[in-house]
Amino acid sequence: MVTVNDVPLPFRAGMTLRDALEEAAADLSGPVLVTSGGQFVAPEDYGGHRLADGEEIRVLRVISGG
C-alpha cells in the first residue's frame, strides 16, 4: 500500500509517483509541492519516480503573499 495525503492506495510493482497521483485524483492545479518518502520530487520526475511499498506521498499547497 502507498498513501497520498493519507488516502491509501494498493501498491503494484513498477508503480510510479504519477500513477499514484492519478489514482488518488490529487489536485495538482496551482502551485504545489509533492514529496515522496519525505523528499521533494520535481514535476518532470513524477513519471520516472518508482515507489516502494509503504511509501507516503504528500501534495502540499504553496501559499505566498505579502
Protein backbone atom coordinates (compact mmCIF):
# COMPACT_ATOMS: atom_id res chain seq x y z
CA MET A 1 0.00 0.00 0.00
CA VAL A 2 1.05 3.62 -0.64
CA THR A 3 -0.66 6.72 0.69
CA VAL A 4 -1.36 10.06 -0.95
CA ASN A 5 -2.26 12.66 1.69
CA ASP A 6 -3.36 9.80 3.99
CA VAL A 7 -5.53 8.15 1.29
CA PRO A 8 -4.44 4.50 0.97
CA LEU A 9 -3.91 3.02 -2.49
CA PRO A 10 -2.98 -0.55 -3.41
CA PHE A 11 0.69 -0.92 -4.32
CA ARG A 12 1.77 -2.57 -7.58
CA ALA A 13 5.26 -3.42 -8.74
CA GLY A 14 6.57 -0.70 -11.04
CA MET A 15 4.14 1.91 -9.70
CA THR A 16 5.31 5.48 -10.26
CA LEU A 17 4.55 8.68 -8.45
CA ARG A 18 2.49 9.83 -11.44
CA ASP A 19 0.41 6.61 -11.24
CA ALA A 20 -0.34 7.20 -7.56
CA LEU A 21 -1.22 10.87 -8.05
CA GLU A 22 -3.61 9.99 -10.88
CA GLU A 23 -5.24 7.14 -8.95
CA ALA A 24 -5.75 9.40 -5.93
CA ALA A 25 -7.13 12.16 -8.19
CA ALA A 26 -4.71 14.55 -6.49
CA ASP A 27 -5.36 18.21 -7.24
CA LEU A 28 -2.14 19.48 -8.83
CA SER A 29 -3.59 22.78 -10.02
CA GLY A 30 -1.83 25.89 -8.84
CA PRO A 31 1.47 25.88 -7.03
CA VAL A 32 2.05 22.61 -5.19
CA LEU A 33 4.98 20.77 -3.69
CA VAL A 34 4.99 16.96 -3.93
CA THR A 35 7.06 14.81 -1.61
CA SER A 36 7.64 11.08 -1.66
CA GLY A 37 9.23 9.50 1.38
CA GLY A 38 9.84 13.00 2.74
CA GLN A 39 11.86 14.11 -0.29
CA PHE A 40 10.79 16.73 -2.85
CA VAL A 41 10.08 15.34 -6.34
CA ALA A 42 10.09 17.74 -9.30
CA PRO A 43 7.06 17.55 -11.63
CA GLU A 44 9.20 16.39 -14.56
CA ASP A 45 10.28 13.38 -12.48
CA TYR A 46 6.81 12.09 -11.47
CA GLY A 47 6.70 9.51 -14.28
CA GLY A 48 10.15 8.09 -13.55
CA HIS A 49 9.95 8.10 -9.76
CA ARG A 50 9.30 4.48 -8.75
CA LEU A 51 7.51 3.92 -5.48
CA ALA A 52 8.20 1.39 -2.76
CA ASP A 53 5.50 -0.43 -0.84
CA GLY A 54 4.57 1.69 2.18
CA GLU A 55 5.63 5.00 0.56
CA GLU A 56 3.98 8.14 1.91
CA ILE A 57 3.24 10.86 -0.65
CA ARG A 58 2.23 14.39 0.25
CA VAL A 59 0.77 17.07 -2.03
CA LEU A 60 1.22 20.41 -0.29
CA ARG A 61 -0.23 23.76 -1.38
CA VAL A 62 2.29 26.55 -1.71
CA ILE A 63 0.84 29.73 -0.25
CA SER A 64 2.63 33.04 -0.65
CA GLY A 65 1.82 36.66 -0.43
CA GLY A 66 2.67 39.89 1.24
